[in-house]
Amino acid sequence: MSTTEVIRPQQLTAGTRKRGVDYYIRKLGPIYLFLIPTFAFLLVFTYYPIFSAFFHSFFRWDGVHGQFVGFQNFRNLFTVDMQFRIAVPNVLKLTAFRVTVALTIPLLAAEIIFGLKNSRMAYFWRVALIIPMVVPWIVLILVWLFIYDPQMGIINTLLKGVGLDKWTRLWLGDMRLALWCIAFYGFPWISGLNLLIYLAGLDAISPELFDAAAIDGASRIRRIRHIDIPMIGGQLKLIFIMTIITQLQNFQDVMIFTNGGPGLSTFVPGLVLYHSAFYYSKMGYASAIGVFLFVIILVITMFNMRFMQSGVEYSPEG
């Protein structure tokens, strides 16, 4: 090519693109190789169990031998298994209670902290309410087991101390009260994570809106109702679906508190799944329960994402 020959833009672009692809392959190829173990573990320990559960839910399977039974496992959930038929209303009650608590109590605490004029006090209470997050979950349950203890528990001891002996109960041994005792666990229900989410949402609201509300003479209650709650709709939506997913899957609390008792009064679907798989070796039936919970959670999540509006969100650029 002579010095006076003009290089066409098409040739320059094609050559640059070719050299660019070779460059990225040479430079980034080894990096992507290091990601192979991560994806391999993800496939083996996350995605494979999911597909295995779907597949074996159609089998009478004990973990080794299997016999295809079609939808029989799913039919047995609501026609044969008394535990599961009791467990579904129980988990709905616990979920409804926990969702109500998650959408109200931490929000109230966040509003109080957010409204403090003294920044040091606000920081102190934020830290004080978040500290329980670092306490192991099992420790909290053991503390509440002691609180409910019929002999040395705090509740019965206080009732006896004020002369209300007839109000003492076998709290976790009473079929009418055991489920609600499990629901009450964690009082005052100020989840550190939910509190942080609400505080982050409140901090993101433009101060101009608060100034405008103050000029208009809006009370604190009206400001919360007409500004704060609509503007943190995204946070409310997130906590709503996170709480539902957590509660529908949760069975550890019930297993430690009562293991489903007294009788069948506190069984939840997750505990029925656990018993079916590890007490009775009914792995196929347990897989069917897992698939059922997966479908329910997926439907609720899709409904939440599609139809529940998160309110008007402020955008500084808007």
C-alpha atoms as a PDB file:
ATOM      1  CA  MET A   1       0.000   0.000   0.000  1.00  0.00           C
ATOM      2  CA  SER A   2       1.489   3.362  -0.978  1.00  0.00           C
ATOM      3  CA  THR A   3       1.691   6.262   1.410  1.00  0.00           C
ATOM      4  CA  THR A   4      -0.887   8.108  -0.611  1.00  0.00           C
ATOM      5  CA  GLU A   5      -3.422   5.285  -0.586  1.00  0.00           C
ATOM      6  CA  VAL A   6      -6.467   6.090   1.465  1.00  0.00           C
ATOM      7  CA  ILE A   7      -7.528   3.587   4.136  1.00  0.00           C
ATOM      8  CA  ARG A   8     -11.212   2.925   3.866  1.00  0.00           C
ATOM      9  CA  PRO A   9     -13.240   3.245   7.112  1.00  0.00           C
ATOM     10  CA  GLN A  10     -14.775  -0.173   6.527  1.00  0.00           C
ATOM     11  CA  GLN A  11     -11.340  -1.793   6.493  1.00  0.00           C
ATOM     12  CA  LEU A  12     -10.252   0.026   9.639  1.00  0.00           C
ATOM     13  CA  THR A  13     -13.420  -0.951  11.516  1.00  0.00           C
ATOM     14  CA  ALA A  14     -13.191  -4.602  10.484  1.00  0.00           C
ATOM     15  CA  GLY A  15      -9.542  -4.825  11.473  1.00  0.00           C
ATOM     16  CA  THR A  16     -10.139  -3.141  14.803  1.00  0.00           C
ATOM     17  CA  ARG A  17     -13.075  -5.417  15.558  1.00  0.00           C
ATOM     18  CA  LYS A  18     -11.019  -8.507  14.715  1.00  0.00           C
ATOM     19  CA  ARG A  19      -8.102  -7.407  16.852  1.00  0.00           C
ATOM     20  CA  GLY A  20     -10.520  -6.491  19.642  1.00  0.00           C
ATOM     21  CA  VAL A  21     -12.059  -9.972  19.759  1.00  0.00           C
ATOM     22  CA  ASP A  22      -8.638 -11.615  19.811  1.00  0.00           C
ATOM     23  CA  TYR A  23      -7.551  -9.238  22.548  1.00  0.00           C
ATOM     24  CA  TYR A  24     -10.513 -10.015  24.791  1.00  0.00           C
ATOM     25  CA  ILE A  25     -10.112 -13.750  24.256  1.00  0.00           C
ATOM     26  CA  ARG A  26      -6.444 -13.599  25.248  1.00  0.00           C
ATOM     27  CA  LYS A  27      -6.870 -11.213  28.150  1.00  0.00           C
ATOM     28  CA  LEU A  28     -10.226 -12.284  29.610  1.00  0.00           C
ATOM     29  CA  GLY A  29     -10.260 -15.964  28.709  1.00  0.00           C
ATOM     30  CA  PRO A  30      -8.244 -17.050  31.783  1.00  0.00           C
ATOM     31  CA  ILE A  31     -10.506 -14.978  34.018  1.00  0.00           C
ATOM     32  CA  TYR A  32     -13.610 -16.758  32.774  1.00  0.00           C
ATOM     33  CA  LEU A  33     -11.878 -20.076  33.336  1.00  0.00           C
ATOM     34  CA  PHE A  34     -11.741 -19.263  37.039  1.00  0.00           C
ATOM     35  CA  LEU A  35     -15.540 -18.898  36.990  1.00  0.00           C
ATOM     36  CA  ILE A  36     -16.045 -22.471  35.830  1.00  0.00           C
ATOM     37  CA  PRO A  37     -15.859 -23.972  39.370  1.00  0.00           C
ATOM     38  CA  THR A  38     -18.441 -21.446  40.588  1.00  0.00           C
ATOM     39  CA  PHE A  39     -20.889 -22.330  37.838  1.00  0.00           C
ATOM     40  CA  ALA A  40     -20.165 -26.029  38.309  1.00  0.00           C
ATOM     41  CA  PHE A  41     -21.029 -25.866  42.024  1.00  0.00           C
ATOM     42  CA  LEU A  42     -24.101 -23.777  41.192  1.00  0.00           C
ATOM     43  CA  LEU A  43     -25.334 -26.387  38.744  1.00  0.00           C
ATOM     44  CA  VAL A  44     -24.594 -29.338  41.033  1.00  0.00           C
ATOM     45  CA  PHE A  45     -25.827 -27.961  44.348  1.00  0.00           C
ATOM     46  CA  THR A  46     -28.577 -25.544  43.271  1.00  0.00           C
ATOM     47  CA  TYR A  47     -30.085 -26.322  39.897  1.00  0.00           C
ATOM     48  CA  TYR A  48     -29.703 -30.089  39.922  1.00  0.00           C
ATOM     49  CA  PRO A  49     -31.678 -30.512  43.204  1.00  0.00           C
ATOM     50  CA  ILE A  50     -34.460 -28.343  41.750  1.00  0.00           C
ATOM     51  CA  PHE A  51     -34.807 -30.436  38.615  1.00  0.00           C
ATOM     52  CA  SER A  52     -34.398 -33.624  40.641  1.00  0.00           C
ATOM     53  CA  ALA A  53     -37.267 -32.593  42.921  1.00  0.00           C
ATOM     54  CA  PHE A  54     -39.544 -31.919  39.949  1.00  0.00           C
ATOM     55  CA  PHE A  55     -38.633 -35.249  38.384  1.00  0.00           C
ATOM     56  CA  HIS A  56     -38.965 -37.384  41.511  1.00  0.00           C
ATOM     57  CA  SER A  57     -42.219 -35.736  42.598  1.00  0.00           C
ATOM     58  CA  PHE A  58     -43.899 -38.107  40.126  1.00  0.00           C
ATOM     59  CA  PHE A  59     -42.326 -41.189  41.729  1.00  0.00           C
ATOM     60  CA  ARG A  60     -42.770 -43.238  44.863  1.00  0.00           C
ATOM     61  CA  TRP A  61     -39.094 -42.868  45.705  1.00  0.00           C
ATOM     62  CA  ASP A  62     -37.155 -43.683  48.864  1.00  0.00           C
ATOM     63  CA  GLY A  63     -33.901 -42.107  47.716  1.00  0.00           C
ATOM     64  CA  VAL A  64     -32.681 -45.270  46.001  1.00  0.00           C
ATOM     65  CA  HIS A  65     -35.576 -47.096  44.361  1.00  0.00           C
ATOM     66  CA  GLY A  66     -38.439 -45.396  42.557  1.00  0.00           C
ATOM     67  CA  GLN A  67     -41.761 -46.283  40.968  1.00  0.00           C
ATOM     68  CA  PHE A  68     -43.607 -43.902  38.667  1.00  0.00           C
ATOM     69  CA  VAL A  69     -46.982 -42.891  40.161  1.00  0.00           C
ATOM     70  CA  GLY A  70     -47.842 -39.801  38.112  1.00  0.00           C
ATOM     71  CA  PHE A  71     -49.769 -37.174  40.063  1.00  0.00           C
ATOM     72  CA  GLN A  72     -50.596 -39.503  42.949  1.00  0.00           C
ATOM     73  CA  ASN A  73     -48.211 -37.730  45.316  1.00  0.00           C
ATOM     74  CA  PHE A  74     -49.928 -34.416  44.639  1.00  0.00           C
ATOM     75  CA  ARG A  75     -53.402 -35.932  45.094  1.00  0.00           C
ATOM     76  CA  ASN A  76     -52.333 -37.418  48.421  1.00  0.00           C
ATOM     77  CA  LEU A  77     -51.443 -33.950  49.720  1.00  0.00           C
ATOM     78  CA  PHE A  78     -55.081 -32.969  50.061  1.00  0.00           C
ATOM     79  CA  THR A  79     -56.864 -36.330  50.223  1.00  0.00           C
ATOM     80  CA  VAL A  80     -54.770 -38.635  52.419  1.00  0.00           C
ATOM     81  CA  ASP A  81     -52.244 -36.623  54.415  1.00  0.00           C
ATOM     82  CA  MET A  82     -53.953 -35.188  57.508  1.00  0.00           C
ATOM     83  CA  GLN A  83     -50.705 -33.489  58.558  1.00  0.00           C
ATOM     84  CA  PHE A  84     -50.537 -31.499  55.346  1.00  0.00           C
ATOM     85  CA  ARG A  85     -54.187 -30.481  55.461  1.00  0.00           C
ATOM     86  CA  ILE A  86     -53.602 -29.056  58.950  1.00  0.00           C
ATOM     87  CA  ALA A  87     -50.249 -27.575  57.978  1.00  0.00           C
ATOM     88  CA  VAL A  88     -51.586 -25.370  55.162  1.00  0.00           C
ATOM     89  CA  PRO A  89     -53.969 -23.276  57.346  1.00  0.00           C
ATOM     90  CA  ASN A  90     -51.251 -23.062  60.003  1.00  0.00           C
ATOM     91  CA  VAL A  91     -48.664 -21.627  57.631  1.00  0.00           C
ATOM     92  CA  LEU A  92     -51.236 -19.194  56.226  1.00  0.00           C
ATOM     93  CA  LYS A  93     -51.956 -17.911  59.738  1.00  0.00           C
ATOM     94  CA  LEU A  94     -48.275 -17.528  60.556  1.00  0.00           C
ATOM     95  CA  THR A  95     -47.586 -15.842  57.206  1.00  0.00           C
ATOM     96  CA  ALA A  96     -50.476 -13.396  57.563  1.00  0.00           C
ATOM     97  CA  PHE A  97     -49.310 -12.474  61.066  1.00  0.00           C
ATOM     98  CA  ARG A  98     -45.668 -12.046  60.067  1.00  0.00           C
ATOM     99  CA  VAL A  99     -46.509 -10.005  56.955  1.00  0.00           C
ATOM    100  CA  THR A 100     -48.693  -7.659  59.006  1.00  0.00           C
ATOM    101  CA  VAL A 101     -45.939  -7.254  61.579  1.00  0.00           C
ATOM    102  CA  ALA A 102     -43.190  -6.740  58.961  1.00  0.00           C
ATOM    103  CA  LEU A 103     -45.157  -3.996  57.201  1.00  0.00           C
ATOM    104  CA  THR A 104     -45.986  -2.050  60.349  1.00  0.00           C
ATOM    105  CA  ILE A 105     -43.697  -2.422  63.382  1.00  0.00           C
ATOM    106  CA  PRO A 106     -40.294  -1.890  61.677  1.00  0.00           C
ATOM    107  CA  LEU A 107     -41.794   0.975  59.660  1.00  0.00           C
ATOM    108  CA  LEU A 108     -43.003   2.642  62.859  1.00  0.00           C
ATOM    109  CA  ALA A 109     -39.540   2.258  64.411  1.00  0.00           C
ATOM    110  CA  ALA A 110     -37.918   3.641  61.249  1.00  0.00           C
ATOM    111  CA  GLU A 111     -40.235   6.672  61.293  1.00  0.00           C
ATOM    112  CA  ILE A 112     -39.386   7.376  64.925  1.00  0.00           C
ATOM    113  CA  ILE A 113     -35.629   7.138  64.293  1.00  0.00           C
ATOM    114  CA  PHE A 114     -35.897   9.154  61.078  1.00  0.00           C
ATOM    115  CA  GLY A 115     -37.762  11.893  62.906  1.00  0.00           C
ATOM    116  CA  LEU A 116     -35.192  12.315  65.683  1.00  0.00           C
ATOM    117  CA  LYS A 117     -33.528  15.741  65.535  1.00  0.00           C
ATOM    118  CA  ASN A 118     -30.457  14.567  67.447  1.00  0.00           C
ATOM    119  CA  SER A 119     -28.278  12.665  64.968  1.00  0.00           C
ATOM    120  CA  ARG A 120     -26.348  10.933  67.764  1.00  0.00           C
ATOM    121  CA  MET A 121     -29.545   9.573  69.300  1.00  0.00           C
ATOM    122  CA  ALA A 122     -30.752   8.448  65.892  1.00  0.00           C
ATOM    123  CA  TYR A 123     -27.462   6.611  65.330  1.00  0.00           C
ATOM    124  CA  PHE A 124     -27.626   5.054  68.799  1.00  0.00           C
ATOM    125  CA  TRP A 125     -31.127   3.657  68.315  1.00  0.00           C
ATOM    126  CA  ARG A 126     -30.302   2.460  64.815  1.00  0.00           C
ATOM    127  CA  VAL A 127     -27.352   0.487  66.148  1.00  0.00           C
ATOM    128  CA  ALA A 128     -29.291  -0.767  69.185  1.00  0.00           C
ATOM    129  CA  LEU A 129     -32.065  -2.184  67.004  1.00  0.00           C
ATOM    130  CA  ILE A 130     -29.647  -3.739  64.517  1.00  0.00           C
ATOM    131  CA  ILE A 131     -27.448  -5.500  67.091  1.00  0.00           C
ATOM    132  CA  PRO A 132     -29.869  -8.472  67.409  1.00  0.00           C
ATOM    133  CA  MET A 133     -29.033  -9.291  63.770  1.00  0.00           C
ATOM    134  CA  VAL A 134     -25.597 -10.530  64.880  1.00  0.00           C
ATOM    135  CA  VAL A 135     -27.051 -12.823  67.555  1.00  0.00           C
ATOM    136  CA  PRO A 136     -27.344 -16.407  66.231  1.00  0.00           C
ATOM    137  CA  TRP A 137     -30.931 -17.308  65.379  1.00  0.00           C
ATOM    138  CA  ILE A 138     -30.853 -20.473  67.507  1.00  0.00           C
ATOM    139  CA  VAL A 139     -29.882 -18.461  70.597  1.00  0.00           C
ATOM    140  CA  LEU A 140     -33.015 -16.330  70.276  1.00  0.00           C
ATOM    141  CA  ILE A 141     -35.195 -19.427  70.001  1.00  0.00           C
ATOM    142  CA  LEU A 142     -33.569 -20.987  73.078  1.00  0.00           C
ATOM    143  CA  VAL A 143     -34.240 -17.781  75.005  1.00  0.00           C
ATOM    144  CA  TRP A 144     -37.900 -17.910  74.007  1.00  0.00           C
ATOM    145  CA  LEU A 145     -38.079 -21.574  74.947  1.00  0.00           C
ATOM    146  CA  PHE A 146     -36.983 -20.531  78.411  1.00  0.00           C
ATOM    147  CA  ILE A 147     -39.583 -17.731  78.440  1.00  0.00           C
ATOM    148  CA  TYR A 148     -42.341 -20.252  77.631  1.00  0.00           C
ATOM    149  CA  ASP A 149     -41.077 -22.862  80.111  1.00  0.00           C
ATOM    150  CA  PRO A 150     -44.047 -23.835  82.342  1.00  0.00           C
ATOM    151  CA  GLN A 151     -41.916 -24.250  85.488  1.00  0.00           C
ATOM    152  CA  MET A 152     -39.190 -21.600  85.357  1.00  0.00           C
ATOM    153  CA  GLY A 153     -40.347 -19.481  82.430  1.00  0.00           C
ATOM    154  CA  ILE A 154     -40.609 -15.723  82.775  1.00  0.00           C
ATOM    155  CA  ILE A 155     -44.277 -15.553  81.769  1.00  0.00           C
ATOM    156  CA  ASN A 156     -45.581 -18.028  84.326  1.00  0.00           C
ATOM    157  CA  THR A 157     -43.236 -16.667  86.993  1.00  0.00           C
ATOM    158  CA  LEU A 158     -44.573 -13.130  86.503  1.00  0.00           C
ATOM    159  CA  LEU A 159     -48.174 -14.329  86.511  1.00  0.00           C
ATOM    160  CA  LYS A 160     -47.614 -16.198  89.773  1.00  0.00           C
ATOM    161  CA  GLY A 161     -45.837 -13.194  91.223  1.00  0.00           C
ATOM    162  CA  VAL A 162     -48.886 -10.954  90.724  1.00  0.00           C
ATOM    163  CA  GLY A 163     -51.331 -13.553  91.957  1.00  0.00           C
ATOM    164  CA  LEU A 164     -52.655 -14.693  88.568  1.00  0.00           C
ATOM    165  CA  ASP A 165     -51.823 -18.366  89.000  1.00  0.00           C
ATOM    166  CA  LYS A 166     -54.935 -19.438  87.111  1.00  0.00           C
ATOM    167  CA  TRP A 167     -53.596 -17.702  83.985  1.00  0.00           C
ATOM    168  CA  THR A 168     -50.450 -19.826  83.857  1.00  0.00           C
ATOM    169  CA  ARG A 169     -50.323 -22.240  80.943  1.00  0.00           C
ATOM    170  CA  LEU A 170     -48.298 -24.952  79.293  1.00  0.00           C
ATOM    171  CA  TRP A 171     -47.734 -22.409  76.557  1.00  0.00           C
ATOM    172  CA  LEU A 172     -46.143 -24.675  73.969  1.00  0.00           C
ATOM    173  CA  GLY A 173     -48.115 -27.696  75.214  1.00  0.00           C
ATOM    174  CA  ASP A 174     -51.562 -26.160  74.715  1.00  0.00           C
ATOM    175  CA  MET A 175     -53.055 -27.046  71.333  1.00  0.00           C
ATOM    176  CA  ARG A 176     -54.979 -23.766  71.253  1.00  0.00           C
ATOM    177  CA  LEU A 177     -51.993 -21.546  72.089  1.00  0.00           C
ATOM    178  CA  ALA A 178     -48.888 -23.275  70.712  1.00  0.00           C
ATOM    179  CA  LEU A 179     -49.155 -21.868  67.183  1.00  0.00           C
ATOM    180  CA  TRP A 180     -49.664 -18.322  68.429  1.00  0.00           C
ATOM    181  CA  CYS A 181     -46.770 -18.698  70.872  1.00  0.00           C
ATOM    182  CA  ILE A 182     -44.560 -19.500  67.885  1.00  0.00           C
ATOM    183  CA  ALA A 183     -45.964 -16.471  66.048  1.00  0.00           C
ATOM    184  CA  PHE A 184     -45.307 -14.238  69.070  1.00  0.00           C
ATOM    185  CA  TYR A 185     -41.646 -15.308  69.151  1.00  0.00           C
ATOM    186  CA  GLY A 186     -39.355 -12.404  68.322  1.00  0.00           C
ATOM    187  CA  PHE A 187     -41.381  -9.681  70.036  1.00  0.00           C
ATOM    188  CA  PRO A 188     -41.238  -6.686  69.465  1.00  0.00           C
ATOM    189  CA  TRP A 189     -40.669  -7.895  65.884  1.00  0.00           C
ATOM    190  CA  ILE A 190     -38.349  -5.083  64.797  1.00  0.00           C
ATOM    191  CA  SER A 191     -36.317  -6.923  62.204  1.00  0.00           C
ATOM    192  CA  GLY A 192     -32.951  -5.241  61.718  1.00  0.00           C
ATOM    193  CA  LEU A 193     -32.990  -5.898  57.974  1.00  0.00           C
ATOM    194  CA  ASN A 194     -36.483  -4.495  57.501  1.00  0.00           C
ATOM    195  CA  LEU A 195     -35.575  -1.483  59.616  1.00  0.00           C
ATOM    196  CA  LEU A 196     -32.551  -0.755  57.438  1.00  0.00           C
ATOM    197  CA  ILE A 197     -34.619  -1.085  54.265  1.00  0.00           C
ATOM    198  CA  TYR A 198     -37.214   1.356  55.550  1.00  0.00           C
ATOM    199  CA  LEU A 199     -34.578   3.832  56.739  1.00  0.00           C
ATOM    200  CA  ALA A 200     -32.860   3.692  53.358  1.00  0.00           C
ATOM    201  CA  GLY A 201     -36.179   4.424  51.652  1.00  0.00           C
ATOM    202  CA  LEU A 202     -36.910   7.366  53.961  1.00  0.00           C
ATOM    203  CA  ASP A 203     -33.408   8.798  53.502  1.00  0.00           C
ATOM    204  CA  ALA A 204     -33.900   8.707  49.724  1.00  0.00           C
ATOM    205  CA  ILE A 205     -36.977  10.960  49.842  1.00  0.00           C
ATOM    206  CA  SER A 206     -36.261  14.499  48.698  1.00  0.00           C
ATOM    207  CA  PRO A 207     -36.103  16.978  51.622  1.00  0.00           C
ATOM    208  CA  GLU A 208     -38.052  19.383  49.419  1.00  0.00           C
ATOM    209  CA  LEU A 209     -41.151  17.267  49.881  1.00  0.00           C
ATOM    210  CA  PHE A 210     -40.828  17.445  53.659  1.00  0.00           C
ATOM    211  CA  ASP A 211     -40.325  21.219  53.469  1.00  0.00           C
ATOM    212  CA  ALA A 212     -43.410  21.588  51.314  1.00  0.00           C
ATOM    213  CA  ALA A 213     -45.461  19.476  53.746  1.00  0.00           C
ATOM    214  CA  ALA A 214     -44.242  21.615  56.668  1.00  0.00           C
ATOM    215  CA  ILE A 215     -45.163  24.834  54.848  1.00  0.00           C
ATOM    216  CA  ASP A 216     -48.630  23.435  54.153  1.00  0.00           C
ATOM    217  CA  GLY A 217     -49.026  22.674  57.856  1.00  0.00           C
ATOM    218  CA  ALA A 218     -49.298  18.887  57.399  1.00  0.00           C
ATOM    219  CA  SER A 219     -49.184  16.914  60.627  1.00  0.00           C
ATOM    220  CA  ARG A 220     -46.700  14.072  61.121  1.00  0.00           C
ATOM    221  CA  ILE A 221     -49.436  11.482  60.567  1.00  0.00           C
ATOM    222  CA  ARG A 222     -50.596  13.111  57.324  1.00  0.00           C
ATOM    223  CA  ARG A 223     -47.030  13.418  56.100  1.00  0.00           C
ATOM    224  CA  ILE A 224     -46.402   9.726  56.749  1.00  0.00           C
ATOM    225  CA  ARG A 225     -49.648   8.784  55.038  1.00  0.00           C
ATOM    226  CA  HIS A 226     -49.385  11.002  51.966  1.00  0.00           C
ATOM    227  CA  ILE A 227     -45.618  11.292  51.446  1.00  0.00           C
ATOM    228  CA  ASP A 228     -43.586   8.665  53.273  1.00  0.00           C
ATOM    229  CA  ILE A 229     -45.650   5.553  52.554  1.00  0.00           C
ATOM    230  CA  PRO A 230     -46.235   6.311  48.836  1.00  0.00           C
ATOM    231  CA  MET A 231     -42.564   7.160  48.352  1.00  0.00           C
ATOM    232  CA  ILE A 232     -41.287   3.958  49.967  1.00  0.00           C
ATOM    233  CA  GLY A 233     -43.716   1.759  48.056  1.00  0.00           C
ATOM    234  CA  GLY A 234     -40.805  -0.147  46.545  1.00  0.00           C
ATOM    235  CA  GLN A 235     -39.467  -1.026  49.988  1.00  0.00           C
ATOM    236  CA  LEU A 236     -42.907  -2.118  51.180  1.00  0.00           C
ATOM    237  CA  LYS A 237     -43.275  -4.313  48.124  1.00  0.00           C
ATOM    238  CA  LEU A 238     -39.846  -5.889  48.682  1.00  0.00           C
ATOM    239  CA  ILE A 239     -40.476  -6.641  52.357  1.00  0.00           C
ATOM    240  CA  PHE A 240     -43.940  -7.997  51.562  1.00  0.00           C
ATOM    241  CA  ILE A 241     -42.693 -10.610  49.120  1.00  0.00           C
ATOM    242  CA  MET A 242     -39.546 -11.433  51.136  1.00  0.00           C
ATOM    243  CA  THR A 243     -41.640 -12.112  54.241  1.00  0.00           C
ATOM    244  CA  ILE A 244     -44.084 -14.313  52.369  1.00  0.00           C
ATOM    245  CA  ILE A 245     -41.307 -16.375  50.784  1.00  0.00           C
ATOM    246  CA  THR A 246     -39.497 -16.761  54.107  1.00  0.00           C
ATOM    247  CA  GLN A 247     -42.596 -17.804  56.050  1.00  0.00           C
ATOM    248  CA  LEU A 248     -43.922 -20.270  53.487  1.00  0.00           C
ATOM    249  CA  GLN A 249     -40.542 -22.019  53.435  1.00  0.00           C
ATOM    250  CA  ASN A 250     -39.805 -21.763  57.142  1.00  0.00           C
ATOM    251  CA  PHE A 251     -40.106 -24.833  59.354  1.00  0.00           C
ATOM    252  CA  GLN A 252     -37.027 -24.600  61.580  1.00  0.00           C
ATOM    253  CA  ASP A 253     -38.760 -22.461  64.194  1.00  0.00           C
ATOM    254  CA  VAL A 254     -41.644 -24.901  64.534  1.00  0.00           C
ATOM    255  CA  MET A 255     -39.309 -27.907  64.593  1.00  0.00           C
ATOM    256  CA  ILE A 256     -37.298 -26.492  67.501  1.00  0.00           C
ATOM    257  CA  PHE A 257     -40.256 -25.134  69.460  1.00  0.00           C
ATOM    258  CA  THR A 258     -42.725 -28.034  69.183  1.00  0.00           C
ATOM    259  CA  ASN A 259     -41.717 -30.341  66.291  1.00  0.00           C
ATOM    260  CA  GLY A 260     -45.309 -30.049  65.111  1.00  0.00           C
ATOM    261  CA  GLY A 261     -46.964 -30.777  68.447  1.00  0.00           C
ATOM    262  CA  PRO A 262     -48.887 -30.957  70.592  1.00  0.00           C
ATOM    263  CA  GLY A 263     -50.625 -33.455  68.349  1.00  0.00           C
ATOM    264  CA  LEU A 264     -50.634 -31.991  64.841  1.00  0.00           C
ATOM    265  CA  SER A 265     -51.543 -28.473  65.953  1.00  0.00           C
ATOM    266  CA  THR A 266     -48.391 -26.656  64.797  1.00  0.00           C
ATOM    267  CA  PHE A 267     -47.377 -28.560  61.672  1.00  0.00           C
ATOM    268  CA  VAL A 268     -46.410 -26.461  58.644  1.00  0.00           C
ATOM    269  CA  PRO A 269     -45.766 -27.758  55.092  1.00  0.00           C
ATOM    270  CA  GLY A 270     -41.991 -27.464  55.422  1.00  0.00           C
ATOM    271  CA  LEU A 271     -42.036 -29.634  58.543  1.00  0.00           C
ATOM    272  CA  VAL A 272     -44.252 -32.222  56.811  1.00  0.00           C
ATOM    273  CA  LEU A 273     -41.693 -32.255  53.986  1.00  0.00           C
ATOM    274  CA  TYR A 274     -38.840 -32.755  56.452  1.00  0.00           C
ATOM    275  CA  HIS A 275     -40.594 -35.581  58.299  1.00  0.00           C
ATOM    276  CA  SER A 276     -41.624 -37.299  55.074  1.00  0.00           C
ATOM    277  CA  ALA A 277     -38.079 -37.225  53.721  1.00  0.00           C
ATOM    278  CA  PHE A 278     -35.964 -37.972  56.791  1.00  0.00           C
ATOM    279  CA  TYR A 279     -38.321 -39.782  59.168  1.00  0.00           C
ATOM    280  CA  TYR A 280     -40.207 -41.984  56.721  1.00  0.00           C
ATOM    281  CA  SER A 281     -37.854 -41.999  53.655  1.00  0.00           C
ATOM    282  CA  LYS A 282     -40.692 -40.820  51.395  1.00  0.00           C
ATOM    283  CA  MET A 283     -38.421 -38.744  49.200  1.00  0.00           C
ATOM    284  CA  GLY A 284     -40.799 -38.661  46.241  1.00  0.00           C
ATOM    285  CA  TYR A 285     -43.668 -37.414  48.390  1.00  0.00           C
ATOM    286  CA  ALA A 286     -41.377 -34.835  50.017  1.00  0.00           C
ATOM    287  CA  SER A 287     -40.367 -33.670  46.539  1.00  0.00           C
ATOM    288  CA  ALA A 288     -44.040 -33.204  45.669  1.00  0.00           C
ATOM    289  CA  ILE A 289     -44.477 -30.971  48.742  1.00  0.00           C
ATOM    290  CA  GLY A 290     -41.428 -28.965  47.707  1.00  0.00           C
ATOM    291  CA  VAL A 291     -42.764 -28.542  44.174  1.00  0.00           C
ATOM    292  CA  PHE A 292     -46.142 -27.454  45.551  1.00  0.00           C
ATOM    293  CA  LEU A 293     -44.482 -24.794  47.722  1.00  0.00           C
ATOM    294  CA  PHE A 294     -42.320 -23.697  44.789  1.00  0.00           C
ATOM    295  CA  VAL A 295     -45.350 -23.175  42.560  1.00  0.00           C
ATOM    296  CA  ILE A 296     -47.274 -21.274  45.242  1.00  0.00           C
ATOM    297  CA  ILE A 297     -44.334 -18.986  45.994  1.00  0.00           C
ATOM    298  CA  LEU A 298     -43.707 -18.430  42.269  1.00  0.00           C
ATOM    299  CA  VAL A 299     -47.350 -17.473  41.645  1.00  0.00           C
ATOM    300  CA  ILE A 300     -47.396 -15.077  44.604  1.00  0.00           C
ATOM    301  CA  THR A 301     -44.114 -13.503  43.502  1.00  0.00           C
ATOM    302  CA  MET A 302     -45.312 -13.030  39.920  1.00  0.00           C
ATOM    303  CA  PHE A 303     -48.603 -11.561  41.150  1.00  0.00           C
ATOM    304  CA  ASN A 304     -46.714  -9.184  43.430  1.00  0.00           C
ATOM    305  CA  MET A 305     -44.360  -8.067  40.660  1.00  0.00           C
ATOM    306  CA  ARG A 306     -47.098  -7.709  38.065  1.00  0.00           C
ATOM    307  CA  PHE A 307     -50.100  -6.256  39.850  1.00  0.00           C
ATOM    308  CA  MET A 308     -48.956  -4.647  43.102  1.00  0.00           C
ATOM    309  CA  GLN A 309     -47.898  -1.100  42.357  1.00  0.00           C
ATOM    310  CA  SER A 310     -44.984   0.270  44.360  1.00  0.00           C
ATOM    311  CA  GLY A 311     -46.232   3.826  44.363  1.00  0.00           C
ATOM    312  CA  VAL A 312     -44.675   6.984  42.969  1.00  0.00           C
ATOM    313  CA  GLU A 313     -40.931   6.981  43.314  1.00  0.00           C
ATOM    314  CA  TYR A 314     -38.992  10.207  43.392  1.00  0.00           C
ATOM    315  CA  SER A 315     -36.286  10.705  40.807  1.00  0.00           C
ATOM    316  CA  PRO A 316     -33.946  13.693  41.131  1.00  0.00           C
ATOM    317  CA  GLU A 317     -33.536  13.777  37.353  1.00  0.00           C
ATOM    318  CA  GLY A 318     -37.290  13.638  36.738  1.00  0.00           C
END
